[in-house]
Amino acid sequence: MKKPMYPFLLRVFFLLILLYSSSCDRAKATDAFIEKEKSKTVLPVTEISIFTIDTADYKLRMLALSNNDKSGRWPVKKIPYPLPGALLPYNRIIAFYGNLYSKRMGVLGELPKEAMLKKLKSEVAKWQAADIHTKAIPALHYIAITAQASPGRANLHRLRMPFHQIDIIMDWAKSIDALVFLDVQVGHSTVKEEVATLEKYLKFPNVHLAIDPEYSMKNGEVPGTKIGTFTSDDINDAIKILEKLVRKNNLPPKILVVHRFTQGMVTGYQKIKTIPEVQVVMNMDGFGNKTLKKSSYIDYIFREPVAFTGFKLFYKNDTKTNPKGLYTPVEVLRFTPKPIYIQYQ
């Protein structure tokens, strides 16, 4: 008589259940291990982003800007790759500078809106023709905080423009797809204090920052009576604010323009931070004849490299003694390095 198969089948059934349970546990353990290892190898977002641009193309463009420099200064070797969406060195910015309350501070404010914008577009076209390999784009460079001879209510010798004036500039820029630069003259205040008041605008991707050491009076002088100065710490304060805004709001890199036309206007240039979130432009903004302007560019911009360079052209002050004293785009592009930011006043 055959023995019933049920006990045997029950033993097989329970054995299969045990094997399945063990397999599931091992699978879960394996998945947990993989996830743990993934978490170890995931890089911060900013570190990943640095390597998502075409680095070979970036290097070639930076080399082209150096204009065959033989000194070894340019292109600057230690600056990191920018985050994706960087404007430089892919574009050359052509900016009109000024303030809506004054016709003497620059072409932006001197001319009526339509005439000014038409003239700006004409200048952009000239620069595009002079360098077909680098896209020329327009910008409105607005002095949002101006230094003052009088101390004012805060006793800080600076005047903050009302936001509705900045809003007008934003609208004008939008009409021609232009960038906006907000310029800060601190007077007796600080970069940190003044730039913080503009954060609501700097959160926009098309809005960038400029700071002017000429009107930073460290020892209590009245702005305009002598040329002021910024230390690398002052400039780094601006960089830190912009870096934080870029990270917090997931923005492309910001541009920081620092004006300069004397040795003493900027001290400690070697300590100015270069980071993926902020592209620093040292802008030669002195006026005068062509020889003086070029020598200033060599002395204070070429010889003390930070990252990128700019050059300012004065419609009136550069042509006082010579009607043909205004540099042409072709002439400026012979400079070493080639300026990537051009400003007209």
Protein backbone atom coordinates (compact mmCIF):
# COMPACT_ATOMS: atom_id res chain seq x y z
CA MET A 1 0.00 0.00 0.00
CA LYS A 2 1.40 3.37 -1.05
CA LYS A 3 2.00 5.96 1.60
CA PRO A 4 0.04 9.21 1.19
CA MET A 5 1.98 12.00 -0.62
CA TYR A 6 0.54 14.84 1.46
CA PRO A 7 3.26 15.02 4.16
CA PHE A 8 5.95 15.09 1.50
CA LEU A 9 4.19 17.77 -0.51
CA LEU A 10 3.66 19.89 2.59
CA ARG A 11 7.39 19.71 3.39
CA VAL A 12 8.24 20.80 -0.19
CA PHE A 13 5.71 23.65 0.01
CA PHE A 14 7.14 25.01 3.28
CA LEU A 15 10.70 24.68 1.92
CA LEU A 16 9.78 26.74 -1.15
CA ILE A 17 8.23 29.42 1.05
CA LEU A 18 11.43 29.62 3.11
CA LEU A 19 13.57 29.88 -0.01
CA TYR A 20 11.34 32.62 -1.46
CA SER A 21 11.43 34.62 1.77
CA SER A 22 15.20 34.33 1.95
CA SER A 23 15.50 35.44 -1.67
CA CYS A 24 13.30 38.49 -1.05
CA ASP A 25 15.34 39.46 1.98
CA ARG A 26 18.55 39.18 -0.02
CA ALA A 27 17.05 41.26 -2.85
CA LYS A 28 15.94 43.94 -0.42
CA ALA A 29 19.37 43.97 1.18
CA THR A 30 21.00 44.26 -2.24
CA ASP A 31 18.70 47.14 -3.25
CA ALA A 32 19.44 48.90 0.03
CA PHE A 33 23.17 48.49 -0.55
CA ILE A 34 22.93 49.90 -4.09
CA GLU A 35 20.95 52.90 -2.88
CA LYS A 36 23.48 53.47 -0.11
CA GLU A 37 26.35 53.38 -2.60
CA LYS A 38 24.47 55.75 -4.91
CA SER A 39 24.08 58.24 -2.11
CA LYS A 40 27.82 58.13 -1.54
CA THR A 41 28.66 58.89 -5.16
CA VAL A 42 26.05 61.56 -5.99
CA LEU A 43 27.80 64.92 -6.45
CA PRO A 44 26.31 68.24 -5.36
CA VAL A 45 24.30 69.88 -8.16
CA THR A 46 26.83 72.64 -8.65
CA GLU A 47 29.69 70.18 -9.12
CA ILE A 48 27.77 68.19 -11.71
CA SER A 49 26.73 71.34 -13.56
CA ILE A 50 30.29 72.56 -13.92
CA PHE A 51 30.99 69.67 -16.27
CA THR A 52 27.86 69.92 -18.38
CA ILE A 53 29.17 72.74 -20.57
CA ASP A 54 31.35 72.00 -23.58
CA THR A 55 34.69 72.54 -21.89
CA ALA A 56 36.71 72.20 -25.10
CA ASP A 57 34.65 74.93 -26.75
CA TYR A 58 34.91 77.10 -23.64
CA LYS A 59 38.71 76.82 -23.62
CA LEU A 60 38.95 77.74 -27.29
CA ARG A 61 36.79 80.82 -26.76
CA MET A 62 38.86 81.92 -23.76
CA LEU A 63 42.02 81.41 -25.79
CA ALA A 64 40.59 83.55 -28.60
CA LEU A 65 39.82 86.33 -26.09
CA SER A 66 43.43 86.26 -24.90
CA ASN A 67 44.45 87.50 -28.35
CA ASN A 68 47.68 85.50 -28.44
CA ASP A 69 48.93 86.89 -25.14
CA LYS A 70 52.60 85.93 -24.67
CA SER A 71 52.89 86.99 -21.02
CA GLY A 72 51.14 83.92 -19.62
CA ARG A 73 48.50 86.03 -17.84
CA TRP A 74 45.69 85.39 -20.30
CA PRO A 75 43.59 83.35 -20.42
CA VAL A 76 43.47 83.19 -16.62
CA LYS A 77 44.39 79.67 -15.65
CA LYS A 78 42.72 79.11 -12.30
CA ILE A 79 39.14 80.16 -12.94
CA PRO A 80 36.60 77.32 -12.82
CA TYR A 81 34.20 76.47 -15.60
CA PRO A 82 30.92 78.38 -15.28
CA LEU A 83 27.53 76.86 -14.66
CA PRO A 84 25.38 76.13 -17.72
CA GLY A 85 23.68 79.20 -19.18
CA ALA A 86 26.74 81.42 -18.72
CA LEU A 87 26.79 84.49 -20.95
CA LEU A 88 30.58 84.73 -21.14
CA PRO A 89 32.62 84.10 -23.24
CA TYR A 90 29.81 83.21 -25.65
CA ASN A 91 28.47 86.76 -25.98
CA ARG A 92 29.91 90.27 -26.08
CA ILE A 93 27.78 92.66 -24.08
CA ILE A 94 27.23 96.18 -25.43
CA ALA A 95 25.79 98.40 -22.71
CA PHE A 96 24.45 101.94 -22.46
CA TYR A 97 25.17 103.57 -19.08
CA GLY A 98 23.32 106.27 -17.17
CA ASN A 99 20.49 107.34 -14.89
CA LEU A 100 17.00 108.57 -15.70
CA TYR A 101 17.31 111.55 -13.35
CA SER A 102 20.37 113.01 -15.09
CA LYS A 103 21.29 113.80 -18.68
CA ARG A 104 24.93 114.24 -17.65
CA MET A 105 25.57 110.75 -16.31
CA GLY A 106 25.38 108.95 -19.62
CA VAL A 107 23.56 108.22 -22.85
CA LEU A 108 20.99 106.21 -20.88
CA GLY A 109 19.05 109.18 -19.50
CA GLU A 110 20.45 111.75 -21.91
CA LEU A 111 18.46 110.61 -24.94
CA PRO A 112 14.73 109.90 -25.16
CA LYS A 113 13.86 106.22 -24.91
CA GLU A 114 13.31 105.42 -28.59
CA ALA A 115 16.35 107.37 -29.79
CA MET A 116 18.51 105.75 -27.11
CA LEU A 117 17.37 102.21 -27.93
CA LYS A 118 17.84 102.81 -31.65
CA LYS A 119 21.39 104.05 -31.05
CA LEU A 120 22.14 101.07 -28.81
CA LYS A 121 20.98 98.62 -31.47
CA SER A 122 23.17 100.43 -33.97
CA GLU A 123 26.23 100.01 -31.74
CA VAL A 124 25.42 96.33 -31.22
CA ALA A 125 25.33 95.86 -35.00
CA LYS A 126 28.76 97.49 -35.35
CA TRP A 127 30.28 95.15 -32.79
CA GLN A 128 28.64 92.15 -34.40
CA ALA A 129 30.15 93.13 -37.74
CA ALA A 130 33.58 93.57 -36.13
CA ASP A 131 33.53 90.09 -34.59
CA ILE A 132 31.25 87.66 -36.36
CA HIS A 133 32.34 84.77 -34.11
CA THR A 134 30.99 86.27 -30.87
CA LYS A 135 27.34 87.24 -30.58
CA ALA A 136 26.86 90.91 -29.60
CA ILE A 137 23.93 91.51 -27.24
CA PRO A 138 22.49 94.77 -25.81
CA ALA A 139 22.32 95.83 -22.17
CA LEU A 140 21.04 98.77 -20.14
CA HIS A 141 23.47 99.66 -17.37
CA TYR A 142 21.52 101.69 -14.83
CA ILE A 143 23.01 103.49 -11.84
CA ALA A 144 20.58 102.25 -9.20
CA ILE A 145 22.42 103.73 -6.20
CA THR A 146 24.29 106.98 -6.76
CA ALA A 147 26.96 108.62 -4.60
CA GLN A 148 26.05 112.08 -3.34
CA ALA A 149 27.98 115.14 -2.19
CA SER A 150 25.37 115.73 0.51
CA PRO A 151 25.13 113.19 3.36
CA GLY A 152 21.38 112.64 3.04
CA ARG A 153 19.03 111.33 5.70
CA ALA A 154 21.13 108.25 6.44
CA ASN A 155 24.35 110.31 6.53
CA LEU A 156 25.87 107.85 4.03
CA HIS A 157 26.37 110.07 0.96
CA ARG A 158 24.35 107.77 -1.29
CA LEU A 159 20.90 107.86 -2.84
CA ARG A 160 18.89 104.77 -3.70
CA MET A 161 16.78 105.14 -6.81
CA PRO A 162 13.07 104.37 -6.39
CA PHE A 163 12.08 100.94 -7.58
CA HIS A 164 9.63 102.35 -10.11
CA GLN A 165 12.61 103.83 -11.98
CA ILE A 166 14.30 100.43 -12.08
CA ASP A 167 11.00 98.96 -13.29
CA ILE A 168 11.06 101.39 -16.22
CA ILE A 169 14.55 100.17 -17.17
CA MET A 170 13.36 96.57 -16.89
CA ASP A 171 10.51 97.31 -19.31
CA TRP A 172 12.79 99.08 -21.77
CA ALA A 173 15.24 96.17 -21.68
CA LYS A 174 12.45 93.68 -22.29
CA SER A 175 11.36 95.57 -25.40
CA ILE A 176 14.68 94.82 -27.12
CA ASP A 177 15.58 91.59 -25.30
CA ALA A 178 18.44 93.31 -23.44
CA LEU A 179 20.25 92.55 -20.21
CA VAL A 180 20.06 94.89 -17.23
CA PHE A 181 23.01 95.87 -15.04
CA LEU A 182 22.32 97.62 -11.74
CA ASP A 183 25.24 99.82 -10.76
CA VAL A 184 26.06 100.61 -7.12
CA GLN A 185 28.01 103.62 -5.83
CA VAL A 186 28.22 103.06 -2.07
CA GLY A 187 29.45 106.47 -0.84
CA HIS A 188 29.96 105.96 2.92
CA SER A 189 27.92 102.75 2.98
CA THR A 190 29.13 99.23 2.12
CA VAL A 191 28.75 96.84 -0.78
CA LYS A 192 26.98 94.33 1.45
CA GLU A 193 24.41 96.85 2.69
CA GLU A 194 23.60 98.36 -0.70
CA VAL A 195 23.58 95.28 -2.92
CA ALA A 196 21.19 93.56 -0.51
CA THR A 197 18.55 96.19 -1.35
CA LEU A 198 18.57 95.08 -5.01
CA GLU A 199 18.09 91.35 -4.47
CA LYS A 200 14.47 91.41 -5.67
CA TYR A 201 15.78 92.42 -9.11
CA LEU A 202 18.94 90.31 -9.08
CA LYS A 203 16.71 87.22 -8.84
CA PHE A 204 15.77 87.76 -12.48
CA PRO A 205 18.00 85.79 -14.88
CA ASN A 206 18.65 88.83 -17.11
CA VAL A 207 19.68 91.20 -14.28
CA HIS A 208 23.33 91.56 -13.28
CA LEU A 209 25.40 93.73 -10.96
CA ALA A 210 28.09 96.40 -11.17
CA ILE A 211 30.01 98.08 -8.34
CA ASP A 212 32.06 101.26 -8.57
CA PRO A 213 35.04 101.76 -6.23
CA GLU A 214 35.49 105.34 -7.44
CA TYR A 215 32.75 106.37 -5.01
CA SER A 216 33.63 104.12 -2.09
CA MET A 217 34.99 106.58 0.46
CA LYS A 218 36.72 104.58 3.21
CA ASN A 219 37.95 107.54 5.23
CA GLY A 220 34.92 109.78 5.26
CA GLU A 221 35.74 111.92 2.25
CA VAL A 222 32.96 113.49 0.21
CA PRO A 223 32.34 111.44 -2.96
CA GLY A 224 33.76 113.17 -6.00
CA THR A 225 36.54 114.95 -4.09
CA LYS A 226 38.92 112.02 -4.51
CA ILE A 227 38.92 108.56 -6.07
CA GLY A 228 37.70 105.83 -3.74
CA THR A 229 38.70 102.20 -3.38
CA PHE A 230 37.49 98.62 -2.94
CA THR A 231 39.42 95.81 -1.31
CA SER A 232 39.08 92.23 -2.47
CA ASP A 233 36.86 91.72 0.59
CA ASP A 234 34.41 94.35 -0.69
CA ILE A 235 34.26 92.69 -4.09
CA ASN A 236 33.92 89.25 -2.54
CA ASP A 237 30.95 90.48 -0.52
CA ALA A 238 29.16 91.16 -3.80
CA ILE A 239 30.23 87.78 -5.17
CA LYS A 240 28.88 85.98 -2.10
CA ILE A 241 25.49 87.66 -2.44
CA LEU A 242 25.27 86.75 -6.12
CA GLU A 243 26.46 83.20 -5.47
CA LYS A 244 23.72 82.70 -2.89
CA LEU A 245 21.05 84.07 -5.25
CA VAL A 246 22.18 81.78 -8.07
CA ARG A 247 22.10 78.69 -5.88
CA LYS A 248 18.86 79.50 -4.09
CA ASN A 249 16.95 80.40 -7.26
CA ASN A 250 18.58 77.90 -9.64
CA LEU A 251 19.83 80.69 -11.92
CA PRO A 252 22.49 80.77 -14.61
CA PRO A 253 25.69 82.57 -13.58
CA LYS A 254 25.54 86.24 -12.68
CA ILE A 255 27.97 88.80 -14.08
CA LEU A 256 29.70 91.22 -11.72
CA VAL A 257 31.26 94.28 -13.34
CA VAL A 258 33.91 96.09 -11.28
CA HIS A 259 34.92 99.52 -12.58
CA ARG A 260 38.57 100.51 -12.48
CA PHE A 261 40.89 103.13 -13.95
CA THR A 262 43.63 103.61 -11.30
CA GLN A 263 45.93 101.33 -9.33
CA GLY A 264 44.42 102.20 -5.98
CA MET A 265 40.78 101.65 -6.95
CA VAL A 266 41.12 97.89 -6.41
CA THR A 267 43.47 96.27 -3.91
CA GLY A 268 44.23 92.57 -3.52
CA TYR A 269 43.04 91.52 -6.96
CA GLN A 270 44.63 88.07 -6.47
CA LYS A 271 42.14 87.39 -3.66
CA ILE A 272 39.01 88.10 -5.71
CA LYS A 273 36.99 84.87 -5.75
CA THR A 274 36.34 83.15 -9.06
CA ILE A 275 33.48 80.66 -8.81
CA PRO A 276 31.11 78.88 -11.23
CA GLU A 277 28.15 81.03 -10.12
CA VAL A 278 29.66 84.46 -10.83
CA GLN A 279 31.61 85.80 -13.82
CA VAL A 280 33.76 88.80 -12.87
CA VAL A 281 34.50 91.55 -15.39
CA MET A 282 37.14 94.15 -14.59
CA ASN A 283 36.03 97.18 -16.59
CA MET A 284 38.47 99.95 -17.57
CA ASP A 285 36.22 103.00 -17.29
CA GLY A 286 38.59 105.94 -17.48
CA PHE A 287 38.16 108.63 -20.11
CA GLY A 288 40.67 110.56 -22.21
CA ASN A 289 42.61 110.22 -25.43
CA LYS A 290 43.28 106.85 -27.02
CA THR A 291 46.85 106.58 -25.74
CA LEU A 292 45.84 107.25 -22.13
CA LYS A 293 42.92 104.82 -22.27
CA LYS A 294 44.98 102.01 -23.75
CA SER A 295 47.80 102.48 -21.24
CA SER A 296 45.26 102.40 -18.39
CA TYR A 297 43.85 99.17 -19.79
CA ILE A 298 47.32 97.64 -19.88
CA ASP A 299 48.33 98.86 -16.41
CA TYR A 300 45.19 98.05 -14.42
CA ILE A 301 43.35 95.38 -16.39
CA PHE A 302 45.87 93.39 -18.44
CA ARG A 303 48.54 93.25 -15.72
CA GLU A 304 46.15 92.27 -12.92
CA PRO A 305 44.01 89.47 -14.40
CA VAL A 306 40.87 88.27 -12.64
CA ALA A 307 38.61 86.60 -15.23
CA PHE A 308 37.10 88.78 -17.99
CA THR A 309 37.68 92.37 -19.11
CA GLY A 310 35.60 95.36 -20.12
CA PHE A 311 36.21 98.74 -21.73
CA LYS A 312 34.25 101.95 -21.43
CA LEU A 313 33.77 104.49 -24.22
CA PHE A 314 32.69 108.07 -23.54
CA TYR A 315 30.82 109.77 -26.37
CA LYS A 316 31.81 113.20 -25.04
CA ASN A 317 34.84 112.96 -22.78
CA ASP A 318 36.83 110.76 -25.17
CA THR A 319 36.30 113.20 -28.03
CA LYS A 320 36.87 116.57 -26.33
CA THR A 321 40.29 117.14 -27.87
CA ASN A 322 39.82 114.95 -30.93
CA PRO A 323 36.52 114.38 -32.77
CA LYS A 324 37.88 111.00 -33.87
CA GLY A 325 39.00 110.07 -30.37
CA LEU A 326 36.37 107.40 -29.79
CA TYR A 327 37.79 103.92 -30.24
CA THR A 328 36.10 101.83 -32.93
CA PRO A 329 35.12 98.20 -32.34
CA VAL A 330 37.89 97.01 -34.66
CA GLU A 331 40.48 99.01 -32.70
CA VAL A 332 39.31 97.73 -29.32
CA LEU A 333 39.38 94.13 -30.54
CA ARG A 334 43.13 94.50 -31.10
CA PHE A 335 43.61 94.82 -27.33
CA THR A 336 45.09 91.99 -25.28
CA PRO A 337 42.92 90.51 -23.95
CA LYS A 338 39.88 91.39 -26.03
CA PRO A 339 37.21 93.05 -23.86
CA ILE A 340 33.98 91.04 -23.65
CA TYR A 341 31.96 93.82 -22.01
CA ILE A 342 31.70 97.21 -23.74
CA GLN A 343 30.08 100.18 -22.07
CA TYR A 344 29.08 103.52 -23.61
CA GLN A 345 28.46 106.63 -21.53
